[in-house]
Amino acid sequence: MNYTRRIKTFGFIDLNKPSGCSSALFVAKIKRLTGQPCGHLGTLDPLANGVLPVGIGNANRLFNYFLNKEKEYIARFKFGETSDTLDSTGEIVKGGDVPSEAEIMEILPDFLGEISQVPPKYSAKSVGGRRGYALARAGVEFELAPKRVRVDCFEFLGRGEEENEFVFKIRCGAGTYIRSLARDVAAALDTQGLMSALTRTKSGCFTLENAVSPDELTEENIESYIIPTESVLPLPRLSAGENNRVFTGIKTAADAADGEYKLYRGDTFYGLAEVKNGMFGAVTKLC
């Protein structure tokens, strides 16, 4: 692919992904506008909208750091029906009663903390080298193993706009499937359920309030929307001073507490450093 320019500013764009399109579509747009490698920090299903942080250039080296950060959602569940995809895009099957608000609120505490969850079959989970959604679309029978996930907040907000629809605020750890929560909450209420809508309002330090619509991004203005990598890292600063050995992989003594730091070479942000037992070294180079 030919690019008209290559920007030199690396960092993140807090993107407000619209519903109805894949996350990859918008990552490709930003890649085209910047001329740099780009990647998202945790996909959103096509049905979902909201915060989709996109890394630009060497900021993608922090993928694992941001991937495990807490996420927050406003989710809509419908009870008394389900689908093969566990959301409203699949083949809908009616079944089960619609619970009362009191019944729903009573069951939600059972889903707080660390819980076991089976991912949806229509997901990117790999089974024998193939994605779950590819197998499901091909009609292949398979099972996915349960995994441990964390839910820190599961709050009932009220009824939704559609019939038998209820709205929830969910704050959870990485890897939690909201569609699976809809299925499992419904099962605990002896009924069927699916996710009818989903908005991600927060992903780590990235928020919906500060997110930009893809339609606003152009070659001329995209650099102004890039958040510098160092500004989104909630870590203390550590300077290497005159010690250049740390940049060659040699660990050296540090007068700092154990933990992760933003490492600087003079006034230039270099990357991430780790201090352990009074010794520190560079762990991720970003410049």
Protein backbone atom coordinates (compact mmCIF):
# COMPACT_ATOMS: atom_id res chain seq x y z
CA MET A 1 0.00 0.00 0.00
CA ASN A 2 1.31 3.46 -0.87
CA TYR A 3 1.13 6.20 1.73
CA THR A 4 1.12 9.91 1.02
CA ARG A 5 3.00 10.65 4.24
CA ARG A 6 4.53 9.06 7.28
CA ILE A 7 4.00 10.90 10.53
CA LYS A 8 6.75 10.87 13.14
CA THR A 9 4.54 11.21 16.23
CA PHE A 10 3.94 7.92 17.99
CA GLY A 11 1.31 7.27 20.63
CA PHE A 12 -2.39 6.45 20.84
CA ILE A 13 -5.67 7.61 19.43
CA ASP A 14 -8.70 7.26 21.70
CA LEU A 15 -11.18 6.23 19.01
CA ASN A 16 -14.96 6.18 19.41
CA LYS A 17 -15.81 3.14 17.28
CA PRO A 18 -19.33 3.21 15.83
CA SER A 19 -21.59 0.18 15.87
CA GLY A 20 -21.96 -1.98 12.79
CA CYS A 21 -18.33 -2.26 11.65
CA SER A 22 -15.30 -4.29 12.67
CA SER A 23 -12.50 -2.83 14.79
CA ALA A 24 -10.01 -3.78 12.06
CA LEU A 25 -11.71 -1.44 9.59
CA PHE A 26 -10.88 1.63 11.67
CA VAL A 27 -7.37 0.47 12.51
CA ALA A 28 -6.78 0.22 8.76
CA LYS A 29 -8.02 3.79 8.30
CA ILE A 30 -5.61 5.15 10.91
CA LYS A 31 -2.78 3.15 9.38
CA ARG A 32 -3.60 4.68 6.01
CA LEU A 33 -3.68 8.22 7.43
CA THR A 34 -0.46 7.91 9.44
CA GLY A 35 1.63 5.62 7.27
CA GLN A 36 2.68 3.77 10.43
CA PRO A 37 2.00 0.30 11.85
CA CYS A 38 -1.18 0.44 13.94
CA GLY A 39 -3.05 -1.93 16.22
CA HIS A 40 -5.97 -1.79 18.65
CA LEU A 41 -5.69 -2.56 22.36
CA GLY A 42 -8.59 -4.99 22.67
CA THR A 43 -11.18 -5.52 19.96
CA LEU A 44 -14.85 -4.58 20.03
CA ASP A 45 -17.48 -6.77 18.37
CA PRO A 46 -19.09 -5.21 15.26
CA LEU A 47 -22.32 -4.67 17.26
CA ALA A 48 -20.48 -2.72 19.97
CA ASN A 49 -19.45 0.92 19.97
CA GLY A 50 -17.27 3.09 22.16
CA VAL A 51 -13.67 3.30 23.27
CA LEU A 52 -11.17 1.59 20.96
CA PRO A 53 -7.59 2.68 21.77
CA VAL A 54 -5.37 2.44 18.69
CA GLY A 55 -1.59 2.32 19.02
CA ILE A 56 0.53 4.05 16.39
CA GLY A 57 4.12 3.12 15.59
CA ASN A 58 6.27 1.96 18.48
CA ALA A 59 3.43 2.54 20.95
CA ASN A 60 2.24 -0.93 19.93
CA ARG A 61 5.15 -2.37 21.91
CA LEU A 62 3.02 -1.61 24.98
CA PHE A 63 0.21 -3.88 23.75
CA ASN A 64 0.52 -6.35 26.65
CA TYR A 65 0.76 -3.53 29.20
CA PHE A 66 -2.56 -1.98 28.17
CA LEU A 67 -4.37 -5.17 27.19
CA ASN A 68 -4.74 -6.23 30.81
CA LYS A 69 -6.20 -2.94 32.02
CA GLU A 70 -9.71 -2.63 33.44
CA LYS A 71 -12.60 -1.93 31.07
CA GLU A 72 -16.02 -0.40 31.66
CA TYR A 73 -19.22 -0.92 29.67
CA ILE A 74 -22.85 0.07 29.44
CA ALA A 75 -24.58 -3.11 28.32
CA ARG A 76 -28.15 -3.90 27.32
CA PHE A 77 -29.50 -7.41 27.88
CA LYS A 78 -32.78 -8.83 26.63
CA PHE A 79 -34.38 -11.72 28.49
CA GLY A 80 -36.84 -14.27 27.17
CA GLU A 81 -34.80 -14.87 24.00
CA THR A 82 -31.33 -15.90 22.90
CA SER A 83 -29.32 -16.42 19.71
CA ASP A 84 -26.47 -18.50 18.36
CA THR A 85 -24.12 -15.52 18.69
CA LEU A 86 -25.47 -14.50 22.14
CA ASP A 87 -26.30 -11.06 20.75
CA SER A 88 -28.98 -9.48 18.59
CA THR A 89 -27.04 -10.06 15.35
CA GLY A 90 -27.59 -13.81 15.45
CA GLU A 91 -30.55 -16.08 14.76
CA ILE A 92 -33.07 -15.20 17.49
CA VAL A 93 -34.85 -17.96 19.40
CA LYS A 94 -37.61 -17.02 21.83
CA GLY A 95 -37.75 -18.90 25.12
CA GLY A 96 -38.07 -18.42 28.86
CA ASP A 97 -39.77 -15.88 31.08
CA VAL A 98 -38.76 -12.25 31.52
CA PRO A 99 -37.55 -11.72 35.11
CA SER A 100 -38.58 -8.82 37.30
CA GLU A 101 -36.21 -6.00 38.18
CA ALA A 102 -36.05 -7.28 41.76
CA GLU A 103 -35.07 -10.76 40.59
CA ILE A 104 -32.33 -9.33 38.39
CA MET A 105 -30.86 -7.15 41.13
CA GLU A 106 -30.89 -10.05 43.58
CA ILE A 107 -28.78 -12.28 41.31
CA LEU A 108 -26.11 -9.74 40.24
CA PRO A 109 -23.87 -10.05 43.35
CA ASP A 110 -23.27 -13.69 42.38
CA PHE A 111 -21.33 -12.44 39.36
CA LEU A 112 -18.94 -10.15 41.22
CA GLY A 113 -15.29 -10.98 41.85
CA GLU A 114 -13.42 -13.76 40.09
CA ILE A 115 -15.82 -16.02 38.23
CA SER A 116 -15.67 -18.88 35.74
CA GLN A 117 -16.89 -18.03 32.25
CA VAL A 118 -17.22 -19.97 29.00
CA PRO A 119 -16.49 -17.70 25.99
CA PRO A 120 -19.09 -17.48 23.21
CA LYS A 121 -18.57 -19.91 20.35
CA TYR A 122 -18.79 -16.95 18.00
CA SER A 123 -15.54 -15.43 19.25
CA ALA A 124 -11.89 -15.16 18.28
CA LYS A 125 -10.92 -17.98 20.64
CA SER A 126 -8.70 -20.52 18.91
CA VAL A 127 -9.73 -24.18 18.67
CA GLY A 128 -7.20 -26.45 17.02
CA GLY A 129 -5.68 -23.52 15.17
CA ARG A 130 -9.01 -22.16 13.90
CA ARG A 131 -11.08 -19.29 15.26
CA GLY A 132 -14.24 -20.19 17.11
CA TYR A 133 -16.42 -18.00 14.90
CA ALA A 134 -15.10 -19.73 11.76
CA LEU A 135 -15.95 -23.16 13.17
CA ALA A 136 -19.38 -21.99 14.33
CA ARG A 137 -20.22 -20.54 10.92
CA ALA A 138 -19.13 -23.81 9.30
CA GLY A 139 -21.49 -25.76 11.56
CA VAL A 140 -18.68 -27.62 13.35
CA GLU A 141 -19.53 -28.91 16.82
CA PHE A 142 -16.99 -27.90 19.47
CA GLU A 143 -16.69 -26.78 23.07
CA LEU A 144 -14.66 -23.98 24.62
CA ALA A 145 -13.01 -24.39 28.01
CA PRO A 146 -14.13 -22.10 30.84
CA LYS A 147 -11.72 -19.39 31.94
CA ARG A 148 -11.37 -17.24 35.04
CA VAL A 149 -12.37 -13.60 34.63
CA ARG A 150 -12.92 -10.72 37.04
CA VAL A 151 -16.01 -8.51 37.42
CA ASP A 152 -15.63 -5.55 39.79
CA CYS A 153 -18.94 -3.78 39.18
CA PHE A 154 -22.27 -5.11 37.91
CA GLU A 155 -24.90 -2.44 38.44
CA PHE A 156 -28.51 -2.48 37.27
CA LEU A 157 -29.35 0.91 35.73
CA GLY A 158 -32.96 0.36 34.69
CA ARG A 159 -35.05 -0.72 31.74
CA GLY A 160 -33.96 -0.19 28.15
CA GLU A 161 -35.83 1.32 25.24
CA GLU A 162 -36.84 -2.01 23.73
CA GLU A 163 -39.28 -4.56 25.13
CA ASN A 164 -37.78 -6.88 27.78
CA GLU A 165 -34.48 -4.96 27.65
CA PHE A 166 -32.47 -4.04 30.75
CA VAL A 167 -29.42 -1.79 31.12
CA PHE A 168 -26.30 -2.50 33.18
CA LYS A 169 -23.01 -0.86 34.05
CA ILE A 170 -20.17 -3.39 34.08
CA ARG A 171 -16.56 -2.87 35.11
CA CYS A 172 -14.36 -5.89 34.51
CA GLY A 173 -10.90 -7.23 33.82
CA ALA A 174 -9.43 -8.15 30.47
CA GLY A 175 -10.88 -11.15 28.66
CA THR A 176 -14.40 -10.85 30.07
CA TYR A 177 -17.13 -11.52 27.50
CA ILE A 178 -20.23 -9.40 28.09
CA ARG A 179 -22.25 -11.70 25.82
CA SER A 180 -21.38 -14.59 28.12
CA LEU A 181 -22.53 -12.56 31.12
CA ALA A 182 -25.90 -12.05 29.41
CA ARG A 183 -26.21 -15.80 28.85
CA ASP A 184 -25.10 -16.72 32.38
CA VAL A 185 -27.24 -14.15 34.20
CA ALA A 186 -30.24 -15.40 32.25
CA ALA A 187 -29.41 -19.01 33.13
CA ALA A 188 -29.21 -18.09 36.82
CA LEU A 189 -32.72 -16.67 36.44
CA ASP A 190 -33.97 -19.84 34.69
CA THR A 191 -34.50 -18.11 31.37
CA GLN A 192 -32.74 -17.18 28.13
CA GLY A 193 -30.83 -13.98 27.43
CA LEU A 194 -28.67 -12.12 24.94
CA MET A 195 -26.75 -8.86 24.63
CA SER A 196 -28.73 -6.35 22.56
CA ALA A 197 -26.26 -3.44 22.66
CA LEU A 198 -22.86 -2.58 24.13
CA THR A 199 -20.91 0.63 24.65
CA ARG A 200 -17.38 0.57 26.03
CA THR A 201 -17.02 3.72 28.12
CA LYS A 202 -13.50 3.12 29.41
CA SER A 203 -10.42 1.04 28.59
CA GLY A 204 -7.60 1.66 31.03
CA CYS A 205 -6.93 5.41 30.93
CA PHE A 206 -8.88 5.92 27.69
CA THR A 207 -12.43 7.26 28.11
CA LEU A 208 -15.47 7.79 25.92
CA GLU A 209 -15.61 11.48 26.91
CA ASN A 210 -12.25 12.08 25.23
CA ALA A 211 -12.72 9.73 22.27
CA VAL A 212 -12.77 10.99 18.68
CA SER A 213 -15.08 9.80 15.91
CA PRO A 214 -13.34 8.16 12.92
CA ASP A 215 -15.19 10.59 10.65
CA GLU A 216 -13.30 13.51 12.21
CA LEU A 217 -9.86 12.13 11.33
CA THR A 218 -8.04 13.39 8.25
CA GLU A 219 -4.45 13.44 7.01
CA GLU A 220 -4.27 17.09 7.98
CA ASN A 221 -5.46 16.78 11.59
CA ILE A 222 -4.69 13.25 12.73
CA GLU A 223 -1.44 14.18 14.46
CA SER A 224 -3.32 16.56 16.75
CA TYR A 225 -5.37 13.62 18.07
CA ILE A 226 -2.38 11.43 18.91
CA ILE A 227 -1.81 11.11 22.66
CA PRO A 228 1.94 10.81 23.38
CA THR A 229 2.88 7.41 24.75
CA GLU A 230 4.47 8.74 27.92
CA SER A 231 1.37 10.72 28.89
CA VAL A 232 -0.88 7.64 29.10
CA LEU A 233 1.48 5.70 31.36
CA PRO A 234 0.53 6.24 35.02
CA LEU A 235 4.07 5.48 36.18
CA PRO A 236 6.72 7.51 38.04
CA ARG A 237 9.65 8.96 36.13
CA LEU A 238 13.16 7.52 36.37
CA SER A 239 16.18 9.13 34.73
CA ALA A 240 19.25 7.19 33.72
CA GLY A 241 21.35 10.32 34.19
CA GLU A 242 24.81 9.84 32.72
CA ASN A 243 24.55 6.06 32.96
CA ASN A 244 24.24 4.81 29.38
CA ARG A 245 24.84 1.16 30.25
CA VAL A 246 21.19 0.66 31.10
CA PHE A 247 20.31 1.27 27.44
CA THR A 248 22.50 -1.66 26.38
CA GLY A 249 20.66 -4.13 28.61
CA ILE A 250 23.00 -3.91 31.62
CA LYS A 251 21.26 -3.61 34.98
CA THR A 252 22.56 -0.99 37.35
CA ALA A 253 21.94 0.24 40.90
CA ALA A 254 18.95 2.52 41.45
CA ASP A 255 17.89 4.65 44.38
CA ALA A 256 14.22 3.88 43.83
CA ALA A 257 11.52 1.55 45.12
CA ASP A 258 10.79 -1.68 43.29
CA GLY A 259 8.30 -1.35 40.45
CA GLU A 260 7.77 -0.08 36.90
CA TYR A 261 8.94 3.33 35.74
CA LYS A 262 9.00 5.59 32.70
CA LEU A 263 12.66 5.68 31.72
CA TYR A 264 14.25 8.87 30.40
CA ARG A 265 17.55 9.55 28.71
CA GLY A 266 17.99 13.20 29.61
CA ASP A 267 14.69 14.82 28.67
CA THR A 268 13.87 12.15 26.09
CA PHE A 269 11.39 9.41 26.94
CA TYR A 270 13.11 6.09 26.25
CA GLY A 271 10.62 3.43 27.36
CA LEU A 272 9.83 1.32 30.39
CA ALA A 273 12.21 0.31 33.14
CA GLU A 274 11.84 -2.06 36.06
CA VAL A 275 13.47 -1.72 39.46
CA LYS A 276 13.90 -4.93 41.43
CA ASN A 277 15.98 -5.41 44.57
CA GLY A 278 17.70 -2.06 44.08
CA MET A 279 18.72 -2.75 40.48
CA PHE A 280 17.07 -1.36 37.38
CA GLY A 281 17.13 -2.02 33.67
CA ALA A 282 15.25 -1.08 30.53
CA VAL A 283 12.49 -3.57 29.69
CA THR A 284 10.72 -1.93 26.72
CA LYS A 285 12.38 0.45 24.26
CA LEU A 286 10.02 2.97 22.69
CA CYS A 287 12.34 5.42 20.96
